[in-house]
N, C-alpha and C. Protein backbone atom coordinates (compact mmCIF):
# COMPACT_ATOMS: atom_id res chain seq x y z
N MET A 1 117.89 131.09 51.34
CA MET A 1 117.99 132.08 52.39
C MET A 1 116.83 131.92 53.39
N THR A 2 115.63 131.55 52.90
CA THR A 2 114.47 131.42 53.77
C THR A 2 114.69 130.28 54.75
N ARG A 3 115.26 129.16 54.28
CA ARG A 3 115.53 128.04 55.19
C ARG A 3 116.47 128.46 56.31
N PHE A 4 117.51 129.17 55.97
CA PHE A 4 118.47 129.63 56.95
C PHE A 4 117.80 130.55 57.97
N THR A 5 116.88 131.36 57.51
CA THR A 5 116.17 132.29 58.38
C THR A 5 115.30 131.54 59.38
N LEU A 6 114.72 130.40 58.98
CA LEU A 6 113.88 129.62 59.89
C LEU A 6 114.70 128.70 60.80
N VAL A 7 115.79 128.13 60.27
CA VAL A 7 116.58 127.18 61.03
C VAL A 7 117.40 127.87 62.12
N LEU A 8 117.95 129.02 61.83
CA LEU A 8 118.80 129.72 62.79
C LEU A 8 118.04 130.06 64.08
N PRO A 9 116.83 130.62 64.05
CA PRO A 9 116.12 130.88 65.31
C PRO A 9 115.76 129.59 66.05
N ALA A 10 115.43 128.52 65.32
CA ALA A 10 115.10 127.26 65.97
C ALA A 10 116.33 126.69 66.68
N LEU A 11 117.48 126.74 66.04
CA LEU A 11 118.71 126.27 66.68
C LEU A 11 119.05 127.13 67.90
N PHE A 12 118.87 128.41 67.79
CA PHE A 12 119.14 129.32 68.90
C PHE A 12 118.22 128.99 70.09
N LEU A 13 116.94 128.74 69.81
CA LEU A 13 115.98 128.40 70.85
C LEU A 13 116.36 127.08 71.52
N LEU A 14 116.75 126.07 70.75
CA LEU A 14 117.20 124.80 71.29
C LEU A 14 118.43 124.97 72.17
N PHE A 15 119.36 125.81 71.72
CA PHE A 15 120.57 126.08 72.48
C PHE A 15 120.22 126.70 73.84
N LEU A 16 119.30 127.66 73.82
CA LEU A 16 118.89 128.30 75.07
C LEU A 16 118.24 127.31 76.03
N LEU A 17 117.36 126.46 75.51
CA LEU A 17 116.71 125.46 76.35
C LEU A 17 117.71 124.48 76.93
N ALA A 18 118.63 124.01 76.10
CA ALA A 18 119.61 123.04 76.55
C ALA A 18 120.55 123.63 77.59
N SER A 19 120.92 124.86 77.44
CA SER A 19 121.83 125.48 78.41
C SER A 19 121.10 125.86 79.70
N ALA A 20 119.80 126.06 79.66
CA ALA A 20 119.05 126.43 80.86
C ALA A 20 118.83 125.22 81.76
N LEU A 21 118.69 124.02 81.21
CA LEU A 21 118.45 122.84 82.02
C LEU A 21 119.58 122.53 83.00
N PRO A 22 120.84 122.45 82.55
CA PRO A 22 121.90 122.19 83.53
C PRO A 22 122.02 123.30 84.57
N ALA A 23 121.80 124.54 84.17
CA ALA A 23 121.88 125.63 85.13
C ALA A 23 120.81 125.49 86.19
N GLN A 24 119.62 125.07 85.75
CA GLN A 24 118.53 124.89 86.70
C GLN A 24 118.83 123.71 87.63
N GLN A 25 119.39 122.63 87.08
CA GLN A 25 119.70 121.45 87.89
C GLN A 25 120.83 121.72 88.88
N ASN A 26 121.78 122.56 88.53
CA ASN A 26 122.92 122.83 89.38
C ASN A 26 122.79 124.16 90.11
N SER A 27 121.57 124.65 90.27
CA SER A 27 121.39 125.95 90.89
C SER A 27 121.72 125.95 92.37
N GLY A 28 122.01 124.78 92.93
CA GLY A 28 122.34 124.71 94.34
C GLY A 28 121.11 124.55 95.21
N ALA A 29 119.94 124.64 94.62
CA ALA A 29 118.72 124.47 95.38
C ALA A 29 118.47 122.98 95.56
N THR A 30 118.69 122.51 96.77
CA THR A 30 118.44 121.10 97.04
C THR A 30 117.15 120.99 97.84
N PRO A 31 116.39 119.96 97.55
CA PRO A 31 115.14 119.82 98.30
C PRO A 31 115.45 119.56 99.77
N PRO A 32 114.62 120.07 100.64
CA PRO A 32 114.88 119.85 102.06
C PRO A 32 114.80 118.38 102.41
N LYS A 33 115.71 117.93 103.28
CA LYS A 33 115.70 116.53 103.71
C LYS A 33 114.63 116.37 104.77
N THR A 34 113.91 115.27 104.66
CA THR A 34 112.89 114.96 105.63
C THR A 34 113.33 113.74 106.41
N SER A 35 113.27 113.83 107.70
CA SER A 35 113.61 112.69 108.53
C SER A 35 112.58 111.60 108.32
N ILE A 36 113.03 110.35 108.29
CA ILE A 36 112.09 109.23 108.14
C ILE A 36 111.09 109.24 109.28
N TYR A 37 111.52 109.69 110.44
CA TYR A 37 110.61 109.68 111.58
C TYR A 37 109.46 110.67 111.35
N SER A 38 109.74 111.78 110.71
CA SER A 38 108.66 112.73 110.44
C SER A 38 107.79 112.25 109.29
N ALA A 39 108.31 111.32 108.48
CA ALA A 39 107.55 110.79 107.35
C ALA A 39 106.61 109.66 107.77
N ILE A 40 106.77 109.15 108.98
CA ILE A 40 105.92 108.07 109.45
C ILE A 40 104.58 108.68 109.85
N SER A 41 103.52 108.12 109.30
CA SER A 41 102.19 108.66 109.59
C SER A 41 101.82 108.44 111.06
N VAL A 42 100.94 109.29 111.54
CA VAL A 42 100.46 109.17 112.92
C VAL A 42 99.81 107.81 113.13
N GLU A 43 99.07 107.35 112.12
CA GLU A 43 98.43 106.04 112.22
C GLU A 43 99.45 104.94 112.42
N ALA A 44 100.56 105.01 111.69
CA ALA A 44 101.61 103.99 111.81
C ALA A 44 102.26 104.05 113.19
N THR A 45 102.51 105.23 113.70
CA THR A 45 103.16 105.33 115.01
C THR A 45 102.26 104.81 116.13
N ARG A 46 100.97 104.93 115.93
CA ARG A 46 100.02 104.48 116.96
C ARG A 46 99.60 103.03 116.81
N GLN A 47 100.09 102.38 115.78
CA GLN A 47 99.69 100.99 115.54
C GLN A 47 100.25 100.09 116.64
N PRO A 48 99.36 99.42 117.37
CA PRO A 48 99.85 98.54 118.44
C PRO A 48 100.38 97.23 117.87
N ASN A 49 101.30 96.64 118.59
CA ASN A 49 101.86 95.36 118.19
C ASN A 49 100.87 94.26 118.56
N PRO A 50 100.31 93.57 117.57
CA PRO A 50 99.34 92.52 117.86
C PRO A 50 99.98 91.19 118.25
N VAL A 51 101.32 91.11 118.18
CA VAL A 51 102.03 89.87 118.48
C VAL A 51 102.70 90.00 119.84
N LYS A 52 102.33 89.15 120.75
CA LYS A 52 102.95 89.16 122.08
C LYS A 52 104.40 88.71 121.99
N SER A 53 105.23 89.30 122.83
CA SER A 53 106.63 88.92 122.89
C SER A 53 106.76 87.64 123.71
N THR A 54 106.76 86.53 123.01
CA THR A 54 106.86 85.21 123.64
C THR A 54 108.16 84.56 123.17
N PRO A 55 108.57 83.50 123.82
CA PRO A 55 109.76 82.78 123.32
C PRO A 55 109.60 82.34 121.86
N GLU A 56 108.38 81.99 121.46
CA GLU A 56 108.14 81.57 120.06
C GLU A 56 108.32 82.76 119.11
N SER A 57 107.78 83.90 119.48
CA SER A 57 107.92 85.10 118.65
C SER A 57 109.39 85.47 118.50
N LEU A 58 110.12 85.46 119.61
CA LEU A 58 111.54 85.81 119.57
C LEU A 58 112.35 84.81 118.77
N ALA A 59 111.98 83.53 118.83
CA ALA A 59 112.69 82.50 118.05
C ALA A 59 112.46 82.70 116.55
N ARG A 60 111.22 83.03 116.18
CA ARG A 60 110.94 83.29 114.75
C ARG A 60 111.74 84.50 114.28
N ALA A 61 111.78 85.54 115.10
CA ALA A 61 112.50 86.76 114.72
C ALA A 61 114.01 86.54 114.66
N LYS A 62 114.51 85.70 115.54
CA LYS A 62 115.96 85.43 115.58
C LYS A 62 116.44 84.90 114.22
N LYS A 63 115.61 84.10 113.55
CA LYS A 63 115.99 83.58 112.22
C LYS A 63 116.17 84.74 111.24
N TRP A 64 115.21 85.65 111.20
CA TRP A 64 115.32 86.81 110.30
C TRP A 64 116.50 87.69 110.71
N TRP A 65 116.64 87.90 112.01
CA TRP A 65 117.73 88.75 112.51
C TRP A 65 119.08 88.20 112.03
N THR A 66 119.26 86.89 112.18
CA THR A 66 120.52 86.26 111.79
C THR A 66 120.76 86.38 110.29
N LEU A 67 119.71 86.25 109.49
CA LEU A 67 119.84 86.32 108.03
C LEU A 67 120.03 87.74 107.51
N ASP A 68 119.25 88.69 108.04
CA ASP A 68 119.19 90.01 107.42
C ASP A 68 119.72 91.17 108.25
N CYS A 69 119.74 91.04 109.55
CA CYS A 69 120.00 92.21 110.40
C CYS A 69 121.36 92.18 111.08
N GLU A 70 121.77 91.00 111.49
CA GLU A 70 122.97 90.83 112.29
C GLU A 70 124.22 91.38 111.60
N MET A 71 124.29 91.28 110.28
CA MET A 71 125.49 91.72 109.57
C MET A 71 125.81 93.19 109.82
N CYS A 72 124.78 93.99 110.03
CA CYS A 72 125.01 95.41 110.32
C CYS A 72 124.80 95.73 111.80
N HIS A 73 123.70 95.23 112.36
CA HIS A 73 123.32 95.58 113.73
C HIS A 73 124.10 94.80 114.78
N GLY A 74 124.78 93.74 114.38
CA GLY A 74 125.54 92.92 115.32
C GLY A 74 124.67 91.86 115.96
N LYS A 75 125.31 90.80 116.43
CA LYS A 75 124.60 89.68 117.02
C LYS A 75 123.74 90.12 118.20
N ASP A 76 124.27 91.01 119.02
CA ASP A 76 123.57 91.47 120.22
C ASP A 76 122.88 92.81 120.03
N GLY A 77 122.84 93.32 118.78
CA GLY A 77 122.17 94.58 118.50
C GLY A 77 122.96 95.81 118.87
N ASN A 78 124.26 95.66 119.09
CA ASN A 78 125.08 96.80 119.50
C ASN A 78 125.50 97.72 118.34
N GLY A 79 125.10 97.38 117.11
CA GLY A 79 125.43 98.23 115.96
C GLY A 79 126.82 98.02 115.42
N LYS A 80 127.48 96.95 115.81
CA LYS A 80 128.86 96.72 115.40
C LYS A 80 129.01 95.43 114.60
N GLY A 81 128.09 95.21 113.67
CA GLY A 81 128.18 94.05 112.79
C GLY A 81 129.31 94.22 111.80
N GLU A 82 129.73 93.12 111.20
CA GLU A 82 130.87 93.13 110.26
C GLU A 82 130.64 94.06 109.07
N THR A 83 129.45 94.00 108.48
CA THR A 83 129.17 94.86 107.32
C THR A 83 129.19 96.32 107.72
N ALA A 84 128.65 96.64 108.87
CA ALA A 84 128.66 98.03 109.35
C ALA A 84 130.10 98.51 109.54
N LYS A 85 130.94 97.65 110.08
CA LYS A 85 132.35 98.02 110.26
C LYS A 85 133.02 98.23 108.91
N ASP A 86 132.80 97.28 107.98
CA ASP A 86 133.42 97.37 106.66
C ASP A 86 132.99 98.62 105.90
N MET A 87 131.72 98.97 106.04
CA MET A 87 131.18 100.14 105.32
C MET A 87 131.31 101.44 106.12
N LYS A 88 131.89 101.34 107.32
CA LYS A 88 132.08 102.49 108.19
C LYS A 88 130.75 103.19 108.49
N LEU A 89 129.74 102.37 108.80
CA LEU A 89 128.41 102.89 109.13
C LEU A 89 128.30 103.08 110.64
N THR A 90 127.61 104.13 111.02
CA THR A 90 127.30 104.34 112.42
C THR A 90 125.87 103.88 112.65
N ILE A 91 125.72 102.86 113.46
CA ILE A 91 124.41 102.28 113.69
C ILE A 91 124.11 102.34 115.18
N VAL A 92 122.87 102.65 115.50
CA VAL A 92 122.48 102.78 116.90
C VAL A 92 122.63 101.46 117.64
N ASP A 93 122.76 101.58 118.94
CA ASP A 93 122.96 100.43 119.82
C ASP A 93 121.63 100.05 120.45
N PHE A 94 121.02 98.98 119.94
CA PHE A 94 119.75 98.52 120.48
C PHE A 94 119.90 97.89 121.86
N SER A 95 121.12 97.55 122.26
CA SER A 95 121.32 96.98 123.59
C SER A 95 121.23 98.06 124.67
N ASP A 96 121.26 99.31 124.27
CA ASP A 96 121.10 100.43 125.21
C ASP A 96 119.60 100.74 125.33
N PRO A 97 119.02 100.59 126.52
CA PRO A 97 117.59 100.82 126.69
C PRO A 97 117.13 102.22 126.26
N ALA A 98 118.00 103.19 126.30
CA ALA A 98 117.63 104.56 125.93
C ALA A 98 117.40 104.72 124.43
N THR A 99 117.98 103.84 123.63
CA THR A 99 117.90 103.98 122.17
C THR A 99 116.47 104.01 121.66
N LEU A 100 115.63 103.13 122.13
CA LEU A 100 114.27 103.02 121.61
C LEU A 100 113.19 103.45 122.60
N LYS A 101 113.59 104.05 123.71
CA LYS A 101 112.60 104.37 124.74
C LYS A 101 111.53 105.34 124.25
N ASP A 102 111.84 106.19 123.29
CA ASP A 102 110.87 107.15 122.77
C ASP A 102 110.23 106.69 121.46
N ARG A 103 110.50 105.48 121.03
CA ARG A 103 109.95 104.94 119.78
C ARG A 103 108.81 103.99 120.09
N THR A 104 107.76 104.09 119.30
CA THR A 104 106.64 103.16 119.46
C THR A 104 106.93 101.90 118.65
N ASP A 105 106.20 100.84 118.96
CA ASP A 105 106.33 99.62 118.17
C ASP A 105 105.93 99.89 116.72
N GLY A 106 104.94 100.75 116.51
CA GLY A 106 104.51 101.09 115.16
C GLY A 106 105.63 101.75 114.36
N GLU A 107 106.41 102.61 115.00
CA GLU A 107 107.54 103.25 114.31
C GLU A 107 108.60 102.23 113.94
N ILE A 108 108.91 101.34 114.86
CA ILE A 108 109.92 100.31 114.59
C ILE A 108 109.45 99.41 113.45
N PHE A 109 108.18 99.02 113.49
CA PHE A 109 107.59 98.20 112.42
C PHE A 109 107.75 98.91 111.07
N TYR A 110 107.42 100.19 111.03
CA TYR A 110 107.49 100.99 109.80
C TYR A 110 108.93 101.02 109.27
N ILE A 111 109.89 101.24 110.15
CA ILE A 111 111.29 101.34 109.73
C ILE A 111 111.79 100.00 109.19
N ILE A 112 111.42 98.91 109.85
CA ILE A 112 111.83 97.59 109.34
C ILE A 112 111.24 97.37 107.95
N LYS A 113 109.99 97.69 107.79
CA LYS A 113 109.32 97.46 106.51
C LYS A 113 109.83 98.38 105.40
N ASN A 114 110.06 99.66 105.72
CA ASN A 114 110.37 100.66 104.71
C ASN A 114 111.82 101.09 104.65
N GLY A 115 112.64 100.65 105.61
CA GLY A 115 114.04 101.04 105.62
C GLY A 115 114.25 102.38 106.28
N HIS A 116 115.52 102.73 106.48
CA HIS A 116 115.88 103.99 107.12
C HIS A 116 117.32 104.31 106.76
N GLU A 117 117.55 105.48 106.17
CA GLU A 117 118.87 105.92 105.75
C GLU A 117 119.58 104.81 104.96
N ASP A 118 120.67 104.24 105.47
CA ASP A 118 121.40 103.20 104.73
C ASP A 118 120.77 101.82 104.86
N MET A 119 119.79 101.68 105.73
CA MET A 119 119.17 100.37 105.95
C MET A 119 118.14 100.09 104.86
N PRO A 120 118.32 98.99 104.14
CA PRO A 120 117.33 98.65 103.11
C PRO A 120 116.03 98.16 103.73
N PRO A 121 114.93 98.33 103.02
CA PRO A 121 113.64 97.88 103.55
C PRO A 121 113.46 96.37 103.42
N GLU A 122 112.76 95.81 104.37
CA GLU A 122 112.36 94.40 104.25
C GLU A 122 111.18 94.28 103.30
N GLY A 123 110.35 95.30 103.25
CA GLY A 123 109.23 95.32 102.32
C GLY A 123 108.33 94.11 102.47
N GLN A 124 108.02 93.48 101.34
CA GLN A 124 107.11 92.34 101.32
C GLN A 124 107.80 91.01 101.62
N ARG A 125 109.14 91.03 101.72
CA ARG A 125 109.87 89.78 101.99
C ARG A 125 109.49 89.20 103.35
N VAL A 126 109.23 90.07 104.30
CA VAL A 126 108.87 89.63 105.64
C VAL A 126 107.36 89.81 105.81
N LYS A 127 106.70 88.75 106.21
CA LYS A 127 105.26 88.82 106.44
C LYS A 127 104.98 89.75 107.62
N THR A 128 103.77 90.26 107.68
CA THR A 128 103.39 91.21 108.72
C THR A 128 103.67 90.66 110.12
N GLU A 129 103.26 89.43 110.39
CA GLU A 129 103.49 88.86 111.73
C GLU A 129 104.98 88.73 112.02
N GLU A 130 105.78 88.37 111.01
CA GLU A 130 107.22 88.25 111.21
C GLU A 130 107.85 89.61 111.49
N ASN A 131 107.31 90.64 110.87
CA ASN A 131 107.80 91.99 111.13
C ASN A 131 107.54 92.37 112.59
N TRP A 132 106.34 92.02 113.09
CA TRP A 132 106.04 92.30 114.50
C TRP A 132 106.94 91.46 115.40
N ASP A 133 107.25 90.23 114.98
CA ASP A 133 108.21 89.42 115.74
C ASP A 133 109.55 90.15 115.83
N LEU A 134 109.98 90.75 114.72
CA LEU A 134 111.25 91.49 114.72
C LEU A 134 111.18 92.69 115.66
N VAL A 135 110.04 93.35 115.72
CA VAL A 135 109.88 94.46 116.67
C VAL A 135 110.10 93.93 118.09
N ASN A 136 109.48 92.80 118.41
CA ASN A 136 109.66 92.19 119.73
C ASN A 136 111.13 91.86 119.98
N PHE A 137 111.79 91.33 118.96
CA PHE A 137 113.19 90.93 119.11
C PHE A 137 114.08 92.15 119.35
N VAL A 138 113.87 93.20 118.55
CA VAL A 138 114.68 94.42 118.72
C VAL A 138 114.50 94.96 120.14
N ARG A 139 113.27 94.97 120.61
CA ARG A 139 113.01 95.44 121.98
C ARG A 139 113.71 94.54 123.00
N SER A 140 113.79 93.24 122.74
CA SER A 140 114.40 92.31 123.69
C SER A 140 115.91 92.49 123.81
N LEU A 141 116.52 93.18 122.86
CA LEU A 141 117.96 93.36 122.87
C LEU A 141 118.43 94.35 123.93
N ALA A 142 117.54 95.23 124.38
CA ALA A 142 117.91 96.22 125.39
C ALA A 142 118.23 95.52 126.70
N LYS A 143 119.40 95.80 127.19
CA LYS A 143 119.85 95.19 128.44
C LYS A 143 119.63 96.18 129.57
N ASN A 144 119.13 95.71 130.67
CA ASN A 144 119.04 96.56 131.85
C ASN A 144 120.42 96.67 132.46
N LYS A 145 120.87 97.90 132.61
CA LYS A 145 122.20 98.11 133.18
C LYS A 145 122.13 97.91 134.69
N PRO A 146 123.07 97.19 135.25
CA PRO A 146 123.09 97.02 136.70
C PRO A 146 123.18 98.37 137.41
N GLU A 147 122.47 98.50 138.51
CA GLU A 147 122.45 99.78 139.21
C GLU A 147 123.84 100.17 139.72
N ALA A 148 124.66 99.19 140.06
CA ALA A 148 126.02 99.50 140.52
C ALA A 148 126.83 100.16 139.40
N ALA A 149 126.62 99.69 138.17
CA ALA A 149 127.35 100.27 137.03
C ALA A 149 126.83 101.66 136.72
N GLN A 150 125.55 101.92 136.94
CA GLN A 150 124.99 103.24 136.65
C GLN A 150 125.54 104.29 137.59
N GLY A 151 125.83 103.90 138.81
CA GLY A 151 126.32 104.85 139.80
C GLY A 151 127.76 105.25 139.55
N ASN A 152 128.51 104.45 138.78
CA ASN A 152 129.95 104.75 138.54
C ASN A 152 130.15 105.72 137.43
């Protein structure tokens, strides 16, 4: 009888703990989402691009772009790559000058390195200088719209 007296409260306590965990997990309280842009440190946003946008820089970046970026961002950066279409992803159009006009090179560098939403990070695969080359390349994709077309 003594064993039963000790085991029953222990089982009851375990039952209470086990039933409280799923209730706590499914309470509907979801952590607030933080935009990646707000997660970028001030230091990162202010980091200047030490690599000049030269034909050599753009050529180095084009290799990475073709291997890793084009499938989603598209050959011309319009956001309509084959993988993006297949996965039904909405990707910004880098060929539109307005897309990155409010972004610093430091922010673009951070996003390439750390990823953003569905975009996987390049992380350590891309060397620092190559990442800056990619920043230059992404910036080069913006096309100046002819003034005649803007007026229409």
